[in-house]
Amino acid sequence: MKYTQHTLDKLEELLGELEYVVRYERGTFQSGYCILEQKKVVVLNKFLQLEGRINTLADIIPKLIVNSGTLSREARKTLDMIHAKA
């Protein structure tokens, strides 16, 4: 997986199709995901570099429950790439 802004954008688009909101917040916390008030939210430390953001999202996405039948072809391709890496 390449560490480019395009890769990060593809991961964020995949999460968007999974109805997750990606937020970048300031703080001293470990990156991860959480569900707030029945809303699916992924919270990342805004001080993470590009490589850290991509690696964190690539670690989170396989843990999510995904109905790949509702995803676009591009999103499924991104999801398959992440699963192949894991």
PDB file of N, CA and C in Angstrom:
ATOM      1  N   MET A   1       0.849  -1.168   0.000  1.00  0.00           N
ATOM      2  CA  MET A   1       0.000   0.000   0.000  1.00  0.00           C
ATOM      3  C   MET A   1       0.898   1.234   0.000  1.00  0.00           C
ATOM      4  N   LYS A   2       0.608   2.167  -0.875  1.00  0.00           N
ATOM      5  CA  LYS A   2       1.407   3.383  -0.977  1.00  0.00           C
ATOM      6  C   LYS A   2       0.921   4.411   0.053  1.00  0.00           C
ATOM      7  N   TYR A   3       1.857   5.149   0.587  1.00  0.00           N
ATOM      8  CA  TYR A   3       1.528   6.177   1.574  1.00  0.00           C
ATOM      9  C   TYR A   3       1.404   7.524   0.884  1.00  0.00           C
ATOM     10  N   THR A   4       0.259   7.706   0.206  1.00  0.00           N
ATOM     11  CA  THR A   4      -0.005   8.948  -0.506  1.00  0.00           C
ATOM     12  C   THR A   4      -1.349   9.506  -0.052  1.00  0.00           C
ATOM     13  N   GLN A   5      -1.568  10.771  -0.365  1.00  0.00           N
ATOM     14  CA  GLN A   5      -2.842  11.403  -0.026  1.00  0.00           C
ATOM     15  C   GLN A   5      -3.987  10.695  -0.751  1.00  0.00           C
ATOM     16  N   HIS A   6      -3.725  10.197  -1.951  1.00  0.00           N
ATOM     17  CA  HIS A   6      -4.749   9.481  -2.715  1.00  0.00           C
ATOM     18  C   HIS A   6      -5.202   8.216  -1.971  1.00  0.00           C
ATOM     19  N   THR A   7      -4.250   7.484  -1.392  1.00  0.00           N
ATOM     20  CA  THR A   7      -4.588   6.283  -0.627  1.00  0.00           C
ATOM     21  C   THR A   7      -5.436   6.645   0.587  1.00  0.00           C
ATOM     22  N   LEU A   8      -5.047   7.701   1.299  1.00  0.00           N
ATOM     23  CA  LEU A   8      -5.828   8.148   2.449  1.00  0.00           C
ATOM     24  C   LEU A   8      -7.240   8.535   2.017  1.00  0.00           C
ATOM     25  N   ASP A   9      -7.355   9.235   0.894  1.00  0.00           N
ATOM     26  CA  ASP A   9      -8.675   9.624   0.386  1.00  0.00           C
ATOM     27  C   ASP A   9      -9.538   8.399   0.077  1.00  0.00           C
ATOM     28  N   LYS A  10      -8.934   7.360  -0.521  1.00  0.00           N
ATOM     29  CA  LYS A  10      -9.684   6.140  -0.833  1.00  0.00           C
ATOM     30  C   LYS A  10     -10.182   5.463   0.439  1.00  0.00           C
ATOM     31  N   LEU A  11      -9.343   5.433   1.482  1.00  0.00           N
ATOM     32  CA  LEU A  11      -9.759   4.829   2.744  1.00  0.00           C
ATOM     33  C   LEU A  11     -10.892   5.627   3.383  1.00  0.00           C
ATOM     34  N   GLU A  12     -10.797   6.945   3.331  1.00  0.00           N
ATOM     35  CA  GLU A  12     -11.857   7.787   3.884  1.00  0.00           C
ATOM     36  C   GLU A  12     -13.157   7.628   3.101  1.00  0.00           C
ATOM     37  N   GLU A  13     -13.054   7.488   1.774  1.00  0.00           N
ATOM     38  CA  GLU A  13     -14.250   7.261   0.946  1.00  0.00           C
ATOM     39  C   GLU A  13     -14.895   5.922   1.287  1.00  0.00           C
ATOM     40  N   LEU A  14     -14.079   4.896   1.505  1.00  0.00           N
ATOM     41  CA  LEU A  14     -14.591   3.581   1.895  1.00  0.00           C
ATOM     42  C   LEU A  14     -15.358   3.695   3.208  1.00  0.00           C
ATOM     43  N   LEU A  15     -14.775   4.364   4.186  1.00  0.00           N
ATOM     44  CA  LEU A  15     -15.472   4.548   5.467  1.00  0.00           C
ATOM     45  C   LEU A  15     -16.749   5.344   5.275  1.00  0.00           C
ATOM     46  N   GLY A  16     -16.737   6.316   4.390  1.00  0.00           N
ATOM     47  CA  GLY A  16     -17.946   7.084   4.098  1.00  0.00           C
ATOM     48  C   GLY A  16     -19.054   6.197   3.544  1.00  0.00           C
ATOM     49  N   GLU A  17     -18.696   5.280   2.657  1.00  0.00           N
ATOM     50  CA  GLU A  17     -19.694   4.354   2.111  1.00  0.00           C
ATOM     51  C   GLU A  17     -20.208   3.391   3.180  1.00  0.00           C
ATOM     52  N   LEU A  18     -19.382   3.144   4.200  1.00  0.00           N
ATOM     53  CA  LEU A  18     -19.805   2.298   5.320  1.00  0.00           C
ATOM     54  C   LEU A  18     -20.562   3.099   6.370  1.00  0.00           C
ATOM     55  N   GLU A  19     -20.830   4.363   6.049  1.00  0.00           N
ATOM     56  CA  GLU A  19     -21.582   5.290   6.899  1.00  0.00           C
ATOM     57  C   GLU A  19     -20.830   5.665   8.170  1.00  0.00           C
ATOM     58  N   TYR A  20     -19.504   5.680   8.095  1.00  0.00           N
ATOM     59  CA  TYR A  20     -18.669   6.151   9.195  1.00  0.00           C
ATOM     60  C   TYR A  20     -18.219   7.565   8.887  1.00  0.00           C
ATOM     61  N   VAL A  21     -18.112   8.381   9.913  1.00  0.00           N
ATOM     62  CA  VAL A  21     -17.597   9.735   9.787  1.00  0.00           C
ATOM     63  C   VAL A  21     -16.168   9.719  10.303  1.00  0.00           C
ATOM     64  N   VAL A  22     -15.241  10.259   9.533  1.00  0.00           N
ATOM     65  CA  VAL A  22     -13.844  10.329   9.947  1.00  0.00           C
ATOM     66  C   VAL A  22     -13.587  11.731  10.489  1.00  0.00           C
ATOM     67  N   ARG A  23     -13.097  11.785  11.728  1.00  0.00           N
ATOM     68  CA  ARG A  23     -12.786  13.066  12.353  1.00  0.00           C
ATOM     69  C   ARG A  23     -11.334  13.066  12.803  1.00  0.00           C
ATOM     70  N   TYR A  24     -10.695  14.192  12.648  1.00  0.00           N
ATOM     71  CA  TYR A  24      -9.327  14.390  13.110  1.00  0.00           C
ATOM     72  C   TYR A  24      -9.389  15.351  14.282  1.00  0.00           C
ATOM     73  N   GLU A  25      -9.026  14.863  15.457  1.00  0.00           N
ATOM     74  CA  GLU A  25      -9.136  15.652  16.679  1.00  0.00           C
ATOM     75  C   GLU A  25      -7.786  15.757  17.364  1.00  0.00           C
ATOM     76  N   ARG A  26      -7.622  16.817  18.101  1.00  0.00           N
ATOM     77  CA  ARG A  26      -6.407  17.052  18.860  1.00  0.00           C
ATOM     78  C   ARG A  26      -6.536  16.404  20.228  1.00  0.00           C
ATOM     79  N   GLY A  27      -5.443  15.847  20.709  1.00  0.00           N
ATOM     80  CA  GLY A  27      -5.473  15.263  22.038  1.00  0.00           C
ATOM     81  C   GLY A  27      -4.395  14.230  22.223  1.00  0.00           C
ATOM     82  N   THR A  28      -4.249  13.787  23.439  1.00  0.00           N
ATOM     83  CA  THR A  28      -3.275  12.745  23.739  1.00  0.00           C
ATOM     84  C   THR A  28      -4.023  11.432  23.908  1.00  0.00           C
ATOM     85  N   PHE A  29      -4.348  10.814  22.792  1.00  0.00           N
ATOM     86  CA  PHE A  29      -5.082   9.558  22.813  1.00  0.00           C
ATOM     87  C   PHE A  29      -4.553   8.663  21.713  1.00  0.00           C
ATOM     88  N   GLN A  30      -4.831   7.394  21.853  1.00  0.00           N
ATOM     89  CA  GLN A  30      -4.481   6.442  20.809  1.00  0.00           C
ATOM     90  C   GLN A  30      -5.530   6.547  19.711  1.00  0.00           C
ATOM     91  N   SER A  31      -5.103   6.455  18.472  1.00  0.00           N
ATOM     92  CA  SER A  31      -6.060   6.488  17.367  1.00  0.00           C
ATOM     93  C   SER A  31      -6.906   5.232  17.409  1.00  0.00           C
ATOM     94  N   GLY A  32      -8.100   5.360  16.943  1.00  0.00           N
ATOM     95  CA  GLY A  32      -8.999   4.222  16.939  1.00  0.00           C
ATOM     96  C   GLY A  32     -10.363   4.636  16.449  1.00  0.00           C
ATOM     97  N   TYR A  33     -11.333   3.810  16.713  1.00  0.00           N
ATOM     98  CA  TYR A  33     -12.680   4.156  16.289  1.00  0.00           C
ATOM     99  C   TYR A  33     -13.634   3.943  17.450  1.00  0.00           C
ATOM    100  N   CYS A  34     -14.745   4.622  17.381  1.00  0.00           N
ATOM    101  CA  CYS A  34     -15.760   4.477  18.410  1.00  0.00           C
ATOM    102  C   CYS A  34     -17.112   4.812  17.810  1.00  0.00           C
ATOM    103  N   ILE A  35     -18.157   4.430  18.509  1.00  0.00           N
ATOM    104  CA  ILE A  35     -19.516   4.759  18.096  1.00  0.00           C
ATOM    105  C   ILE A  35     -20.076   5.712  19.148  1.00  0.00           C
ATOM    106  N   LEU A  36     -20.441   6.897  18.730  1.00  0.00           N
ATOM    107  CA  LEU A  36     -20.966   7.908  19.637  1.00  0.00           C
ATOM    108  C   LEU A  36     -22.445   8.131  19.348  1.00  0.00           C
ATOM    109  N   GLU A  37     -23.276   7.932  20.347  1.00  0.00           N
ATOM    110  CA  GLU A  37     -24.713   8.179  20.231  1.00  0.00           C
ATOM    111  C   GLU A  37     -25.302   7.568  18.966  1.00  0.00           C
ATOM    112  N   GLN A  38     -25.039   6.307  18.780  1.00  0.00           N
ATOM    113  CA  GLN A  38     -25.560   5.548  17.640  1.00  0.00           C
ATOM    114  C   GLN A  38     -25.036   6.043  16.294  1.00  0.00           C
ATOM    115  N   LYS A  39     -24.013   6.906  16.303  1.00  0.00           N
ATOM    116  CA  LYS A  39     -23.395   7.359  15.055  1.00  0.00           C
ATOM    117  C   LYS A  39     -22.027   6.711  14.948  1.00  0.00           C
ATOM    118  N   LYS A  40     -21.702   6.267  13.765  1.00  0.00           N
ATOM    119  CA  LYS A  40     -20.417   5.615  13.547  1.00  0.00           C
ATOM    120  C   LYS A  40     -19.374   6.694  13.276  1.00  0.00           C
ATOM    121  N   VAL A  41     -18.417   6.796  14.167  1.00  0.00           N
ATOM    122  CA  VAL A  41     -17.391   7.832  14.063  1.00  0.00           C
ATOM    123  C   VAL A  41     -16.016   7.214  14.243  1.00  0.00           C
ATOM    124  N   VAL A  42     -15.109   7.519  13.347  1.00  0.00           N
ATOM    125  CA  VAL A  42     -13.711   7.138  13.484  1.00  0.00           C
ATOM    126  C   VAL A  42     -12.965   8.399  13.873  1.00  0.00           C
ATOM    127  N   VAL A  43     -12.275   8.345  15.003  1.00  0.00           N
ATOM    128  CA  VAL A  43     -11.537   9.505  15.494  1.00  0.00           C
ATOM    129  C   VAL A  43     -10.051   9.198  15.405  1.00  0.00           C
ATOM    130  N   LEU A  44      -9.323  10.071  14.716  1.00  0.00           N
ATOM    131  CA  LEU A  44      -7.877   9.936  14.588  1.00  0.00           C
ATOM    132  C   LEU A  44      -7.209  11.159  15.192  1.00  0.00           C
ATOM    133  N   ASN A  45      -6.029  10.959  15.742  1.00  0.00           N
ATOM    134  CA  ASN A  45      -5.256  12.068  16.267  1.00  0.00           C
ATOM    135  C   ASN A  45      -4.820  12.944  15.099  1.00  0.00           C
ATOM    136  N   LYS A  46      -5.138  14.229  15.144  1.00  0.00           N
ATOM    137  CA  LYS A  46      -4.853  15.105  14.018  1.00  0.00           C
ATOM    138  C   LYS A  46      -3.361  15.346  13.815  1.00  0.00           C
ATOM    139  N   PHE A  47      -2.539  14.980  14.798  1.00  0.00           N
ATOM    140  CA  PHE A  47      -1.106  15.175  14.676  1.00  0.00           C
ATOM    141  C   PHE A  47      -0.398  13.980  14.042  1.00  0.00           C
ATOM    142  N   LEU A  48      -1.141  12.941  13.704  1.00  0.00           N
ATOM    143  CA  LEU A  48      -0.538  11.803  13.005  1.00  0.00           C
ATOM    144  C   LEU A  48      -0.091  12.236  11.616  1.00  0.00           C
ATOM    145  N   GLN A  49       1.056  11.727  11.206  1.00  0.00           N
ATOM    146  CA  GLN A  49       1.527  11.978   9.851  1.00  0.00           C
ATOM    147  C   GLN A  49       0.703  11.128   8.887  1.00  0.00           C
ATOM    148  N   LEU A  50       0.877  11.367   7.606  1.00  0.00           N
ATOM    149  CA  LEU A  50       0.119  10.668   6.569  1.00  0.00           C
ATOM    150  C   LEU A  50       0.239   9.157   6.710  1.00  0.00           C
ATOM    151  N   GLU A  51       1.448   8.654   6.914  1.00  0.00           N
ATOM    152  CA  GLU A  51       1.666   7.213   7.049  1.00  0.00           C
ATOM    153  C   GLU A  51       0.915   6.650   8.251  1.00  0.00           C
ATOM    154  N   GLY A  52       0.920   7.365   9.365  1.00  0.00           N
ATOM    155  CA  GLY A  52       0.204   6.930  10.558  1.00  0.00           C
ATOM    156  C   GLY A  52      -1.292   6.907  10.357  1.00  0.00           C
ATOM    157  N   ARG A  53      -1.816   7.888   9.642  1.00  0.00           N
ATOM    158  CA  ARG A  53      -3.261   7.924   9.358  1.00  0.00           C
ATOM    159  C   ARG A  53      -3.668   6.730   8.506  1.00  0.00           C
ATOM    160  N   ILE A  54      -2.885   6.449   7.466  1.00  0.00           N
ATOM    161  CA  ILE A  54      -3.199   5.328   6.580  1.00  0.00           C
ATOM    162  C   ILE A  54      -3.108   4.011   7.330  1.00  0.00           C
ATOM    163  N   ASN A  55      -2.051   3.821   8.096  1.00  0.00           N
ATOM    164  CA  ASN A  55      -1.887   2.571   8.851  1.00  0.00           C
ATOM    165  C   ASN A  55      -3.002   2.379   9.869  1.00  0.00           C
ATOM    166  N   THR A  56      -3.411   3.449  10.541  1.00  0.00           N
ATOM    167  CA  THR A  56      -4.480   3.336  11.534  1.00  0.00           C
ATOM    168  C   THR A  56      -5.795   2.965  10.871  1.00  0.00           C
ATOM    169  N   LEU A  57      -6.133   3.625   9.772  1.00  0.00           N
ATOM    170  CA  LEU A  57      -7.376   3.290   9.076  1.00  0.00           C
ATOM    171  C   LEU A  57      -7.327   1.871   8.518  1.00  0.00           C
ATOM    172  N   ALA A  58      -6.164   1.457   8.012  1.00  0.00           N
ATOM    173  CA  ALA A  58      -6.024   0.095   7.486  1.00  0.00           C
ATOM    174  C   ALA A  58      -6.151  -0.947   8.594  1.00  0.00           C
ATOM    175  N   ASP A  59      -5.805  -0.594   9.823  1.00  0.00           N
ATOM    176  CA  ASP A  59      -5.974  -1.507  10.954  1.00  0.00           C
ATOM    177  C   ASP A  59      -7.424  -1.552  11.429  1.00  0.00           C
ATOM    178  N   ILE A  60      -8.121  -0.437  11.335  1.00  0.00           N
ATOM    179  CA  ILE A  60      -9.492  -0.340  11.834  1.00  0.00           C
ATOM    180  C   ILE A  60     -10.484  -1.011  10.893  1.00  0.00           C
ATOM    181  N   ILE A  61     -10.355  -0.771   9.614  1.00  0.00           N
ATOM    182  CA  ILE A  61     -11.370  -1.211   8.644  1.00  0.00           C
ATOM    183  C   ILE A  61     -11.647  -2.712   8.686  1.00  0.00           C
ATOM    184  N   PRO A  62     -10.645  -3.594   8.791  1.00  0.00           N
ATOM    185  CA  PRO A  62     -10.973  -5.033   8.840  1.00  0.00           C
ATOM    186  C   PRO A  62     -11.787  -5.434  10.072  1.00  0.00           C
ATOM    187  N   LYS A  63     -11.769  -4.632  11.121  1.00  0.00           N
ATOM    188  CA  LYS A  63     -12.512  -4.942  12.340  1.00  0.00           C
ATOM    189  C   LYS A  63     -13.988  -4.551  12.239  1.00  0.00           C
ATOM    190  N   LEU A  64     -14.337  -3.766  11.240  1.00  0.00           N
ATOM    191  CA  LEU A  64     -15.713  -3.294  11.082  1.00  0.00           C
ATOM    192  C   LEU A  64     -16.562  -4.352  10.401  1.00  0.00           C
ATOM    193  N   ILE A  65     -17.827  -4.353  10.730  1.00  0.00           N
ATOM    194  CA  ILE A  65     -18.776  -5.247  10.068  1.00  0.00           C
ATOM    195  C   ILE A  65     -19.165  -4.602   8.752  1.00  0.00           C
ATOM    196  N   VAL A  66     -18.869  -5.292   7.657  1.00  0.00           N
ATOM    197  CA  VAL A  66     -19.039  -4.704   6.330  1.00  0.00           C
ATOM    198  C   VAL A  66     -19.983  -5.550   5.502  1.00  0.00           C
ATOM    199  N   ASN A  67     -20.951  -4.900   4.874  1.00  0.00           N
ATOM    200  CA  ASN A  67     -21.795  -5.549   3.884  1.00  0.00           C
ATOM    201  C   ASN A  67     -21.266  -5.109   2.531  1.00  0.00           C
ATOM    202  N   SER A  68     -20.359  -5.918   1.969  1.00  0.00           N
ATOM    203  CA  SER A  68     -19.682  -5.513   0.736  1.00  0.00           C
ATOM    204  C   SER A  68     -20.630  -5.433  -0.460  1.00  0.00           C
ATOM    205  N   GLY A  69     -21.819  -5.984  -0.343  1.00  0.00           N
ATOM    206  CA  GLY A  69     -22.787  -5.909  -1.433  1.00  0.00           C
ATOM    207  C   GLY A  69     -23.307  -4.505  -1.664  1.00  0.00           C
ATOM    208  N   THR A  70     -23.204  -3.650  -0.670  1.00  0.00           N
ATOM    209  CA  THR A  70     -23.701  -2.277  -0.806  1.00  0.00           C
ATOM    210  C   THR A  70     -22.609  -1.304  -1.224  1.00  0.00           C
ATOM    211  N   LEU A  71     -21.386  -1.782  -1.363  1.00  0.00           N
ATOM    212  CA  LEU A  71     -20.272  -0.901  -1.704  1.00  0.00           C
ATOM    213  C   LEU A  71     -20.116  -0.758  -3.213  1.00  0.00           C
ATOM    214  N   SER A  72     -19.560   0.366  -3.615  1.00  0.00           N
ATOM    215  CA  SER A  72     -19.242   0.569  -5.023  1.00  0.00           C
ATOM    216  C   SER A  72     -18.069  -0.339  -5.396  1.00  0.00           C
ATOM    217  N   ARG A  73     -17.837  -0.486  -6.681  1.00  0.00           N
ATOM    218  CA  ARG A  73     -16.752  -1.348  -7.147  1.00  0.00           C
ATOM    219  C   ARG A  73     -15.407  -0.840  -6.638  1.00  0.00           C
ATOM    220  N   GLU A  74     -15.198   0.462  -6.671  1.00  0.00           N
ATOM    221  CA  GLU A  74     -13.934   1.047  -6.207  1.00  0.00           C
ATOM    222  C   GLU A  74     -13.729   0.808  -4.712  1.00  0.00           C
ATOM    223  N   ALA A  75     -14.807   0.939  -3.930  1.00  0.00           N
ATOM    224  CA  ALA A  75     -14.714   0.716  -2.489  1.00  0.00           C
ATOM    225  C   ALA A  75     -14.430  -0.756  -2.190  1.00  0.00           C
ATOM    226  N   ARG A  76     -15.044  -1.666  -2.942  1.00  0.00           N
ATOM    227  CA  ARG A  76     -14.769  -3.095  -2.747  1.00  0.00           C
ATOM    228  C   ARG A  76     -13.323  -3.427  -3.079  1.00  0.00           C
ATOM    229  N   LYS A  77     -12.796  -2.768  -4.110  1.00  0.00           N
ATOM    230  CA  LYS A  77     -11.404  -2.970  -4.495  1.00  0.00           C
ATOM    231  C   LYS A  77     -10.473  -2.498  -3.369  1.00  0.00           C
ATOM    232  N   THR A  78     -10.787  -1.367  -2.772  1.00  0.00           N
ATOM    233  CA  THR A  78     -10.002  -0.856  -1.650  1.00  0.00           C
ATOM    234  C   THR A  78     -10.103  -1.799  -0.455  1.00  0.00           C
ATOM    235  N   LEU A  79     -11.294  -2.290  -0.186  1.00  0.00           N
ATOM    236  CA  LEU A  79     -11.506  -3.219   0.924  1.00  0.00           C
ATOM    237  C   LEU A  79     -10.721  -4.511   0.707  1.00  0.00           C
ATOM    238  N   ASP A  80     -10.737  -5.029  -0.512  1.00  0.00           N
ATOM    239  CA  ASP A  80      -9.970  -6.246  -0.822  1.00  0.00           C
ATOM    240  C   ASP A  80      -8.476  -6.009  -0.640  1.00  0.00           C
ATOM    241  N   MET A  81      -8.004  -4.818  -1.006  1.00  0.00           N
ATOM    242  CA  MET A  81      -6.592  -4.484  -0.838  1.00  0.00           C
ATOM    243  C   MET A  81      -6.212  -4.486   0.643  1.00  0.00           C
ATOM    244  N   ILE A  82      -7.079  -3.964   1.475  1.00  0.00           N
ATOM    245  CA  ILE A  82      -6.824  -3.911   2.915  1.00  0.00           C
ATOM    246  C   ILE A  82      -6.831  -5.316   3.515  1.00  0.00           C
ATOM    247  N   HIS A  83      -7.783  -6.131   3.094  1.00  0.00           N
ATOM    248  CA  HIS A  83      -7.854  -7.510   3.619  1.00  0.00           C
ATOM    249  C   HIS A  83      -6.648  -8.321   3.172  1.00  0.00           C
ATOM    250  N   ALA A  84      -6.131  -8.071   1.978  1.00  0.00           N
ATOM    251  CA  ALA A  84      -4.959  -8.787   1.488  1.00  0.00           C
ATOM    252  C   ALA A  84      -3.725  -8.400   2.313  1.00  0.00           C
ATOM    253  N   LYS A  85      -3.691  -7.159   2.754  1.00  0.00           N
ATOM    254  CA  LYS A  85      -2.561  -6.680   3.565  1.00  0.00           C
ATOM    255  C   LYS A  85      -2.607  -7.284   4.964  1.00  0.00           C
ATOM    256  N   ALA A  86      -3.810  -7.485   5.492  1.00  0.00           N
ATOM    257  CA  ALA A  86      -3.964  -7.965   6.882  1.00  0.00           C
ATOM    258  C   ALA A  86      -3.582  -9.396   7.050  1.00  0.00           C
TER     259      ALA A  86
END
